[in-house]
Amino acid sequence: MTKLIALVAAGLFAAGTVFAGDHGNCTKQVGNDGKMACTVSTADLNLTPEQKTKMDALMAEHHKEGCSKATENKYMHEAKSILTPEQYATFKTECKGMKDKPAA
């Protein structure tokens, strides 16, 4: 009887993994392709301490909200208000470079 229960449990486990298919990959199902929000290093931007604090808080908030087109646009808009035009141009270029790379 114990062997029968073990066999049934193993069968159910195997069947569950077979039928799972792509169900575990939620980011791809919503068209996100598994790409994270822009996570470039801000070290190259020569930020002031105030800018660094604001950008760290902004990035943390953005990661908490998740990556969608709307949150990405909001993130970039808010980053533009924190950074100087030169810093923002560098930041935007580095973000674009990250998005063009295939997801690992």
Protein backbone atom coordinates (compact mmCIF):
# COMPACT_ATOMS: atom_id res chain seq x y z
CA MET A 1 0.00 0.00 0.00
CA THR A 2 2.85 2.40 0.84
CA LYS A 3 4.48 1.68 -2.51
CA LEU A 4 1.21 2.44 -4.29
CA ILE A 5 0.88 5.80 -2.50
CA ALA A 6 4.51 6.66 -3.31
CA LEU A 7 3.98 5.70 -6.94
CA VAL A 8 0.82 7.82 -7.22
CA ALA A 9 2.55 10.79 -5.56
CA ALA A 10 5.52 10.50 -7.94
CA GLY A 11 3.13 10.26 -10.90
CA LEU A 12 1.26 13.37 -9.81
CA PHE A 13 4.50 15.27 -9.37
CA ALA A 14 5.71 14.24 -12.83
CA ALA A 15 2.36 15.13 -14.39
CA GLY A 16 2.36 18.52 -12.69
CA THR A 17 5.75 19.44 -14.12
CA VAL A 18 4.73 18.27 -17.61
CA PHE A 19 1.54 20.32 -17.63
CA ALA A 20 3.18 23.40 -16.08
CA GLY A 21 4.75 24.38 -19.38
CA ASP A 22 5.28 28.16 -19.57
CA HIS A 23 3.00 28.97 -16.67
CA GLY A 24 5.90 29.83 -14.38
CA ASN A 25 7.21 32.61 -16.58
CA CYS A 26 4.85 35.46 -15.81
CA THR A 27 7.10 38.23 -17.11
CA LYS A 28 7.12 36.79 -20.61
CA GLN A 29 3.38 36.21 -20.55
CA VAL A 30 2.73 39.91 -20.03
CA GLY A 31 5.12 40.87 -22.83
CA ASN A 32 7.90 41.98 -20.53
CA ASP A 33 10.53 39.57 -21.91
CA GLY A 34 12.10 39.33 -18.47
CA LYS A 35 13.89 42.65 -18.79
CA MET A 36 14.38 44.56 -15.59
CA ALA A 37 14.08 48.25 -15.16
CA CYS A 38 17.09 50.32 -16.06
CA THR A 39 19.68 49.40 -13.45
CA VAL A 40 22.72 51.21 -14.79
CA SER A 41 25.33 52.30 -12.31
CA THR A 42 24.98 55.93 -11.31
CA ALA A 43 28.72 56.08 -10.53
CA ASP A 44 29.49 57.41 -14.02
CA LEU A 45 27.06 60.30 -13.61
CA ASN A 46 29.06 62.24 -10.97
CA LEU A 47 25.97 62.75 -8.82
CA THR A 48 25.81 65.13 -5.89
CA PRO A 49 24.94 63.47 -2.56
CA GLU A 50 21.39 64.85 -2.86
CA GLN A 51 21.01 63.49 -6.41
CA LYS A 52 22.37 60.08 -5.35
CA THR A 53 19.86 59.86 -2.49
CA LYS A 54 16.98 60.79 -4.81
CA MET A 55 18.07 58.41 -7.58
CA ASP A 56 18.51 55.51 -5.12
CA ALA A 57 15.01 56.12 -3.75
CA LEU A 58 13.59 56.43 -7.27
CA MET A 59 15.22 53.19 -8.42
CA ALA A 60 13.99 51.32 -5.31
CA GLU A 61 10.45 52.59 -5.89
CA HIS A 62 10.60 51.64 -9.56
CA HIS A 63 11.76 48.10 -8.80
CA LYS A 64 8.95 47.74 -6.26
CA GLU A 65 6.32 48.90 -8.80
CA GLY A 66 7.52 46.42 -11.41
CA CYS A 67 8.56 46.91 -14.98
CA SER A 68 5.89 48.04 -17.39
CA LYS A 69 5.83 50.66 -20.08
CA ALA A 70 3.97 53.09 -17.79
CA THR A 71 6.30 52.64 -14.82
CA GLU A 72 9.36 52.86 -17.06
CA ASN A 73 8.10 56.16 -18.54
CA LYS A 74 7.39 57.50 -15.05
CA TYR A 75 10.85 56.43 -13.88
CA MET A 76 12.61 58.13 -16.79
CA HIS A 77 10.52 61.30 -16.38
CA GLU A 78 11.36 61.55 -12.68
CA ALA A 79 15.04 60.80 -13.35
CA LYS A 80 15.06 63.67 -15.83
CA SER A 81 13.84 66.04 -13.11
CA ILE A 82 16.65 64.96 -10.75
CA LEU A 83 19.60 64.90 -13.15
CA THR A 84 21.25 67.69 -15.12
CA PRO A 85 20.71 67.57 -18.90
CA GLU A 86 24.21 66.12 -19.41
CA GLN A 87 23.72 63.50 -16.69
CA TYR A 88 20.31 62.56 -18.07
CA ALA A 89 21.69 62.14 -21.59
CA THR A 90 24.35 59.74 -20.28
CA PHE A 91 21.79 57.92 -18.13
CA LYS A 92 19.34 57.54 -21.01
CA THR A 93 22.07 56.25 -23.34
CA GLU A 94 23.20 53.65 -20.79
CA CYS A 95 19.59 52.56 -20.15
CA LYS A 96 18.98 52.15 -23.87
CA GLY A 97 22.15 50.08 -24.15
CA MET A 98 20.90 47.76 -21.40
CA LYS A 99 17.48 47.30 -23.04
CA ASP A 100 19.07 46.39 -26.37
CA LYS A 101 20.96 43.50 -24.75
CA PRO A 102 19.08 40.18 -24.71
CA ALA A 103 17.77 39.06 -21.33
CA ALA A 104 19.94 36.45 -19.66
